[in-house]
């Protein structure tokens, strides 16, 4: 690499060598991708698997302010016997916590929609 060559300059030079229809095709592909992503947020109407647990835990946070799994018997030394909730322990709670905070701010229990909306930022 010569003294005046920088990685940025080399990258810009490589973009100039792309065929002319590349950028319009790239923009169209990005618009379609974003449109499909937003559409998928509304097409996805069923709670499945861990998302169900995330939505319920976020709703529990909205209602009680605690990151707990509702209605789940836990048999461990850390939870009182026959308690119908247990601390969130299976997954990192970042998205659940954020959904709970957003639910509290907007005073809503529709945490599934909040989680879908937050997934657009990922």
N, C-alpha and C. Protein backbone atom coordinates (compact mmCIF):
# COMPACT_ATOMS: atom_id res chain seq x y z
N UNK A 1 0.84 -1.17 0.00
CA UNK A 1 0.00 0.00 0.00
C UNK A 1 0.89 1.24 0.00
N UNK A 2 0.60 2.15 -0.89
CA UNK A 2 1.38 3.37 -0.95
C UNK A 2 0.93 4.34 0.14
N UNK A 3 1.71 5.39 0.30
CA UNK A 3 1.46 6.35 1.37
C UNK A 3 0.08 7.02 1.22
N UNK A 4 -0.36 7.34 0.03
CA UNK A 4 -1.62 8.03 -0.18
C UNK A 4 -2.82 7.09 -0.26
N UNK A 5 -2.57 5.79 -0.31
CA UNK A 5 -3.67 4.83 -0.37
C UNK A 5 -4.19 4.57 1.04
N UNK A 6 -5.47 4.72 1.20
CA UNK A 6 -6.09 4.39 2.47
C UNK A 6 -7.18 3.35 2.22
N UNK A 7 -7.58 2.61 3.23
CA UNK A 7 -8.65 1.62 3.03
C UNK A 7 -9.94 2.27 2.53
N UNK A 8 -10.23 3.48 3.01
CA UNK A 8 -11.45 4.17 2.55
C UNK A 8 -11.35 4.52 1.08
N UNK A 9 -10.21 5.02 0.66
CA UNK A 9 -10.03 5.39 -0.75
C UNK A 9 -10.13 4.14 -1.63
N UNK A 10 -9.53 3.03 -1.18
CA UNK A 10 -9.62 1.78 -1.95
C UNK A 10 -11.06 1.30 -2.05
N UNK A 11 -11.83 1.45 -0.97
CA UNK A 11 -13.23 1.03 -0.98
C UNK A 11 -14.03 1.89 -1.94
N UNK A 12 -13.82 3.20 -1.90
CA UNK A 12 -14.52 4.08 -2.83
C UNK A 12 -14.17 3.78 -4.27
N UNK A 13 -12.93 3.49 -4.53
CA UNK A 13 -12.50 3.14 -5.88
C UNK A 13 -13.18 1.86 -6.34
N UNK A 14 -13.32 0.88 -5.43
CA UNK A 14 -13.96 -0.37 -5.82
C UNK A 14 -15.44 -0.16 -6.09
N UNK A 15 -16.10 0.78 -5.39
CA UNK A 15 -17.50 1.07 -5.68
C UNK A 15 -17.66 1.70 -7.06
N UNK A 16 -16.69 2.48 -7.49
CA UNK A 16 -16.76 3.13 -8.80
C UNK A 16 -16.68 2.11 -9.94
N UNK A 17 -16.10 0.96 -9.67
CA UNK A 17 -15.95 -0.04 -10.72
C UNK A 17 -17.16 -0.96 -10.84
N UNK A 18 -18.15 -0.81 -9.97
CA UNK A 18 -19.35 -1.65 -10.05
C UNK A 18 -20.18 -1.25 -11.27
N UNK A 19 -20.93 -2.19 -11.83
CA UNK A 19 -21.78 -1.84 -12.98
C UNK A 19 -22.83 -0.80 -12.60
N UNK A 20 -23.26 0.02 -13.56
CA UNK A 20 -24.19 1.12 -13.29
C UNK A 20 -25.51 0.67 -12.68
N UNK A 21 -26.13 -0.43 -13.10
CA UNK A 21 -27.43 -0.79 -12.51
C UNK A 21 -27.32 -1.37 -11.09
N UNK A 22 -26.10 -1.48 -10.54
CA UNK A 22 -25.94 -2.09 -9.22
C UNK A 22 -26.66 -1.30 -8.13
N UNK A 23 -26.48 0.02 -8.08
CA UNK A 23 -27.05 0.82 -7.00
C UNK A 23 -28.58 0.89 -7.06
N UNK A 24 -29.20 1.09 -8.22
CA UNK A 24 -30.67 1.04 -8.24
C UNK A 24 -31.21 -0.33 -7.81
N UNK A 25 -30.54 -1.39 -8.22
CA UNK A 25 -30.98 -2.73 -7.81
C UNK A 25 -30.80 -2.89 -6.30
N UNK A 26 -29.70 -2.38 -5.76
CA UNK A 26 -29.46 -2.45 -4.31
C UNK A 26 -30.53 -1.67 -3.55
N UNK A 27 -30.87 -0.49 -4.00
CA UNK A 27 -31.90 0.33 -3.34
C UNK A 27 -33.25 -0.38 -3.40
N UNK A 28 -33.60 -0.93 -4.55
CA UNK A 28 -34.87 -1.65 -4.70
C UNK A 28 -34.90 -2.86 -3.76
N UNK A 29 -33.79 -3.60 -3.70
CA UNK A 29 -33.72 -4.77 -2.81
C UNK A 29 -33.87 -4.36 -1.35
N UNK A 30 -33.24 -3.27 -0.97
CA UNK A 30 -33.36 -2.79 0.41
C UNK A 30 -34.79 -2.36 0.74
N UNK A 31 -35.45 -1.67 -0.18
CA UNK A 31 -36.83 -1.24 0.03
C UNK A 31 -37.75 -2.46 0.16
N UNK A 32 -37.56 -3.44 -0.71
CA UNK A 32 -38.37 -4.67 -0.63
C UNK A 32 -38.10 -5.39 0.69
N UNK A 33 -36.83 -5.49 1.09
CA UNK A 33 -36.48 -6.16 2.34
C UNK A 33 -37.09 -5.49 3.55
N UNK A 34 -37.03 -4.17 3.59
CA UNK A 34 -37.62 -3.43 4.72
C UNK A 34 -39.14 -3.60 4.70
N UNK A 35 -39.74 -3.55 3.52
CA UNK A 35 -41.19 -3.74 3.42
C UNK A 35 -41.63 -5.12 3.89
N UNK A 36 -40.90 -6.14 3.49
CA UNK A 36 -41.23 -7.50 3.92
C UNK A 36 -41.03 -7.65 5.43
N UNK A 37 -39.99 -7.01 5.95
CA UNK A 37 -39.73 -7.08 7.40
C UNK A 37 -40.86 -6.45 8.19
N UNK A 38 -41.33 -5.27 7.75
CA UNK A 38 -42.47 -4.64 8.42
C UNK A 38 -43.73 -5.48 8.25
N UNK A 39 -43.92 -6.04 7.07
CA UNK A 39 -45.08 -6.90 6.85
C UNK A 39 -45.06 -8.13 7.74
N UNK A 40 -43.89 -8.71 7.92
CA UNK A 40 -43.77 -9.91 8.76
C UNK A 40 -44.16 -9.61 10.20
N UNK A 41 -43.95 -8.37 10.63
CA UNK A 41 -44.33 -8.00 12.00
C UNK A 41 -45.84 -8.14 12.18
N UNK A 42 -46.61 -7.85 11.14
CA UNK A 42 -48.07 -7.94 11.24
C UNK A 42 -48.58 -9.32 10.84
N UNK A 43 -47.82 -10.07 10.03
CA UNK A 43 -48.23 -11.43 9.66
C UNK A 43 -48.03 -12.39 10.83
N UNK A 44 -47.06 -12.13 11.67
CA UNK A 44 -46.76 -13.01 12.79
C UNK A 44 -47.76 -12.73 13.90
N UNK A 45 -48.75 -13.60 14.04
CA UNK A 45 -49.81 -13.38 15.02
C UNK A 45 -49.84 -14.45 16.10
N UNK A 46 -48.98 -15.45 16.03
CA UNK A 46 -49.04 -16.55 16.98
C UNK A 46 -47.82 -16.54 17.90
N UNK A 47 -48.08 -16.65 19.17
CA UNK A 47 -47.01 -16.79 20.15
C UNK A 47 -46.53 -18.24 20.14
N UNK A 48 -45.25 -18.44 19.91
CA UNK A 48 -44.72 -19.80 19.86
C UNK A 48 -43.43 -19.88 20.65
N UNK A 49 -43.23 -21.01 21.30
CA UNK A 49 -41.96 -21.31 21.96
C UNK A 49 -41.52 -20.26 22.96
N UNK A 50 -40.27 -19.87 22.86
CA UNK A 50 -39.69 -18.94 23.82
C UNK A 50 -40.31 -17.55 23.74
N UNK A 51 -40.86 -17.18 22.59
CA UNK A 51 -41.48 -15.86 22.47
C UNK A 51 -42.67 -15.76 23.43
N UNK A 52 -43.39 -16.86 23.60
CA UNK A 52 -44.49 -16.89 24.56
C UNK A 52 -43.96 -16.58 25.96
N UNK A 53 -42.86 -17.22 26.32
CA UNK A 53 -42.25 -16.98 27.63
C UNK A 53 -41.76 -15.54 27.76
N UNK A 54 -41.16 -15.00 26.69
CA UNK A 54 -40.70 -13.61 26.72
C UNK A 54 -41.87 -12.65 26.91
N UNK A 55 -42.95 -12.86 26.16
CA UNK A 55 -44.10 -11.95 26.24
C UNK A 55 -44.76 -12.02 27.62
N UNK A 56 -44.88 -13.23 28.15
CA UNK A 56 -45.48 -13.36 29.49
C UNK A 56 -44.59 -12.75 30.57
N UNK A 57 -43.29 -12.92 30.44
CA UNK A 57 -42.37 -12.34 31.43
C UNK A 57 -42.38 -10.82 31.34
N UNK A 58 -42.43 -10.28 30.14
CA UNK A 58 -42.52 -8.83 29.98
C UNK A 58 -43.83 -8.31 30.55
N UNK A 59 -44.92 -9.04 30.33
CA UNK A 59 -46.21 -8.63 30.91
C UNK A 59 -46.16 -8.69 32.43
N UNK A 60 -45.49 -9.68 32.96
CA UNK A 60 -45.32 -9.77 34.41
C UNK A 60 -44.54 -8.56 34.93
N UNK A 61 -43.55 -8.11 34.16
CA UNK A 61 -42.80 -6.93 34.56
C UNK A 61 -43.68 -5.68 34.52
N UNK A 62 -44.54 -5.59 33.51
CA UNK A 62 -45.45 -4.45 33.44
C UNK A 62 -46.37 -4.45 34.65
N UNK A 63 -46.87 -5.63 35.04
CA UNK A 63 -47.83 -5.72 36.14
C UNK A 63 -47.20 -5.59 37.52
N UNK A 64 -46.04 -6.22 37.71
CA UNK A 64 -45.46 -6.27 39.06
C UNK A 64 -44.11 -5.59 39.19
N UNK A 65 -43.47 -5.27 38.06
CA UNK A 65 -42.14 -4.66 38.12
C UNK A 65 -41.02 -5.67 38.35
N UNK A 66 -41.33 -6.97 38.25
CA UNK A 66 -40.32 -8.02 38.45
C UNK A 66 -40.17 -8.84 37.18
N UNK A 67 -38.93 -9.26 36.90
CA UNK A 67 -38.68 -10.16 35.77
C UNK A 67 -38.87 -11.61 36.25
N UNK A 68 -40.12 -12.02 36.30
CA UNK A 68 -40.48 -13.36 36.76
C UNK A 68 -41.29 -14.06 35.69
N UNK A 69 -41.14 -15.39 35.63
CA UNK A 69 -42.01 -16.20 34.78
C UNK A 69 -43.31 -16.41 35.55
N UNK A 70 -44.44 -16.04 35.00
CA UNK A 70 -45.70 -16.26 35.72
C UNK A 70 -46.20 -17.70 35.55
N UNK A 71 -46.96 -18.16 36.50
CA UNK A 71 -47.64 -19.47 36.43
C UNK A 71 -46.71 -20.61 36.06
N UNK A 72 -45.62 -20.72 36.78
CA UNK A 72 -44.68 -21.82 36.52
C UNK A 72 -44.19 -22.34 37.87
N UNK A 73 -44.49 -23.58 38.15
CA UNK A 73 -43.98 -24.16 39.39
C UNK A 73 -42.47 -24.33 39.30
N UNK A 74 -41.80 -23.93 40.32
CA UNK A 74 -40.34 -24.03 40.37
C UNK A 74 -39.98 -24.81 41.62
N UNK A 75 -39.17 -25.79 41.46
CA UNK A 75 -38.74 -26.59 42.60
C UNK A 75 -37.25 -26.41 42.79
N UNK A 76 -36.89 -25.37 43.49
CA UNK A 76 -35.48 -25.14 43.79
C UNK A 76 -35.40 -24.46 45.16
N UNK A 77 -34.20 -24.40 45.68
CA UNK A 77 -33.99 -23.79 46.99
C UNK A 77 -34.15 -22.26 46.94
N UNK A 78 -34.14 -21.67 45.76
CA UNK A 78 -34.19 -20.21 45.64
C UNK A 78 -35.60 -19.65 45.54
N UNK A 79 -36.59 -20.52 45.37
CA UNK A 79 -37.98 -20.08 45.21
C UNK A 79 -38.81 -20.74 46.31
N UNK A 80 -39.68 -19.96 46.99
CA UNK A 80 -40.53 -20.57 48.01
C UNK A 80 -41.36 -21.71 47.43
N UNK A 81 -41.63 -22.69 48.23
CA UNK A 81 -42.36 -23.89 47.81
C UNK A 81 -43.75 -23.52 47.29
N UNK A 82 -44.14 -24.10 46.16
CA UNK A 82 -45.44 -23.93 45.51
C UNK A 82 -45.75 -22.49 45.13
N UNK A 83 -44.74 -21.72 44.80
CA UNK A 83 -44.95 -20.37 44.30
C UNK A 83 -45.27 -20.45 42.81
N UNK A 84 -46.25 -19.69 42.37
CA UNK A 84 -46.67 -19.76 40.98
C UNK A 84 -45.87 -18.84 40.06
N UNK A 85 -44.70 -18.44 40.46
CA UNK A 85 -43.82 -17.68 39.58
C UNK A 85 -42.39 -17.95 40.00
N UNK A 86 -41.48 -17.70 39.08
CA UNK A 86 -40.07 -17.91 39.40
C UNK A 86 -39.24 -16.87 38.66
N UNK A 87 -38.05 -16.57 39.17
CA UNK A 87 -37.22 -15.54 38.52
C UNK A 87 -36.85 -15.95 37.10
N UNK A 88 -36.77 -14.97 36.23
CA UNK A 88 -36.36 -15.20 34.85
C UNK A 88 -34.92 -15.68 34.84
N UNK A 89 -34.71 -16.91 34.34
CA UNK A 89 -33.38 -17.49 34.44
C UNK A 89 -32.93 -18.24 33.19
N UNK A 90 -33.80 -18.41 32.19
CA UNK A 90 -33.44 -19.24 31.05
C UNK A 90 -32.72 -18.49 29.95
N UNK A 91 -32.98 -17.20 29.79
CA UNK A 91 -32.40 -16.42 28.70
C UNK A 91 -31.95 -15.08 29.25
N UNK A 92 -31.01 -14.43 28.59
CA UNK A 92 -30.65 -13.07 29.00
C UNK A 92 -31.88 -12.16 28.88
N UNK A 93 -32.13 -11.35 29.88
CA UNK A 93 -33.41 -10.63 29.93
C UNK A 93 -33.45 -9.27 29.23
N UNK A 94 -32.51 -8.96 28.34
CA UNK A 94 -32.48 -7.62 27.75
C UNK A 94 -33.78 -7.28 27.02
N UNK A 95 -34.21 -8.11 26.07
CA UNK A 95 -35.40 -7.79 25.29
C UNK A 95 -36.65 -7.81 26.16
N UNK A 96 -36.71 -8.75 27.07
CA UNK A 96 -37.86 -8.83 27.98
C UNK A 96 -37.92 -7.59 28.86
N UNK A 97 -36.76 -7.18 29.37
CA UNK A 97 -36.69 -5.99 30.21
C UNK A 97 -37.12 -4.75 29.41
N UNK A 98 -36.59 -4.61 28.19
CA UNK A 98 -36.96 -3.46 27.37
C UNK A 98 -38.46 -3.46 27.05
N UNK A 99 -39.02 -4.62 26.75
CA UNK A 99 -40.45 -4.71 26.47
C UNK A 99 -41.26 -4.34 27.72
N UNK A 100 -40.80 -4.76 28.89
CA UNK A 100 -41.49 -4.40 30.13
C UNK A 100 -41.43 -2.90 30.39
N UNK A 101 -40.28 -2.29 30.15
CA UNK A 101 -40.14 -0.84 30.34
C UNK A 101 -41.04 -0.09 29.37
N UNK A 102 -41.04 -0.49 28.09
CA UNK A 102 -41.90 0.16 27.10
C UNK A 102 -43.37 -0.03 27.47
N UNK A 103 -43.73 -1.23 27.93
CA UNK A 103 -45.11 -1.49 28.36
C UNK A 103 -45.52 -0.61 29.53
N UNK A 104 -44.61 -0.41 30.46
CA UNK A 104 -44.91 0.48 31.60
C UNK A 104 -45.04 1.93 31.13
N UNK A 105 -44.15 2.36 30.23
CA UNK A 105 -44.19 3.75 29.76
C UNK A 105 -45.51 4.03 29.04
N UNK A 106 -45.94 3.10 28.15
CA UNK A 106 -47.15 3.31 27.38
C UNK A 106 -48.39 2.70 28.04
N UNK A 107 -48.23 2.16 29.24
CA UNK A 107 -49.33 1.60 30.02
C UNK A 107 -50.14 0.58 29.20
N UNK A 108 -49.42 -0.40 28.64
CA UNK A 108 -50.06 -1.45 27.86
C UNK A 108 -49.50 -2.81 28.27
N UNK A 109 -50.34 -3.83 28.13
CA UNK A 109 -49.90 -5.19 28.40
C UNK A 109 -49.69 -5.98 27.11
N UNK A 110 -49.77 -5.32 25.97
CA UNK A 110 -49.57 -6.00 24.68
C UNK A 110 -48.07 -6.15 24.43
N UNK A 111 -47.44 -6.97 25.23
CA UNK A 111 -45.99 -7.11 25.17
C UNK A 111 -45.54 -7.89 23.94
N UNK A 112 -46.40 -8.71 23.37
CA UNK A 112 -46.04 -9.42 22.14
C UNK A 112 -45.80 -8.41 21.01
N UNK A 113 -46.70 -7.43 20.86
CA UNK A 113 -46.52 -6.40 19.84
C UNK A 113 -45.27 -5.57 20.14
N UNK A 114 -45.02 -5.29 21.40
CA UNK A 114 -43.83 -4.52 21.77
C UNK A 114 -42.57 -5.30 21.40
N UNK A 115 -42.54 -6.59 21.68
CA UNK A 115 -41.39 -7.42 21.32
C UNK A 115 -41.19 -7.46 19.80
N UNK A 116 -42.29 -7.56 19.05
CA UNK A 116 -42.18 -7.54 17.58
C UNK A 116 -41.63 -6.20 17.12
N UNK A 117 -42.09 -5.12 17.71
CA UNK A 117 -41.58 -3.79 17.34
C UNK A 117 -40.10 -3.64 17.68
N UNK A 118 -39.71 -4.14 18.84
CA UNK A 118 -38.29 -4.06 19.23
C UNK A 118 -37.43 -4.90 18.30
N UNK A 119 -37.98 -5.97 17.76
CA UNK A 119 -37.19 -6.83 16.87
C UNK A 119 -36.81 -6.11 15.58
N UNK A 120 -37.52 -5.05 15.24
CA UNK A 120 -37.18 -4.28 14.05
C UNK A 120 -35.85 -3.55 14.23
N UNK A 121 -35.44 -3.33 15.46
CA UNK A 121 -34.17 -2.64 15.70
C UNK A 121 -32.97 -3.57 15.62
N UNK A 122 -33.23 -4.87 15.63
CA UNK A 122 -32.12 -5.82 15.62
C UNK A 122 -31.56 -6.01 14.22
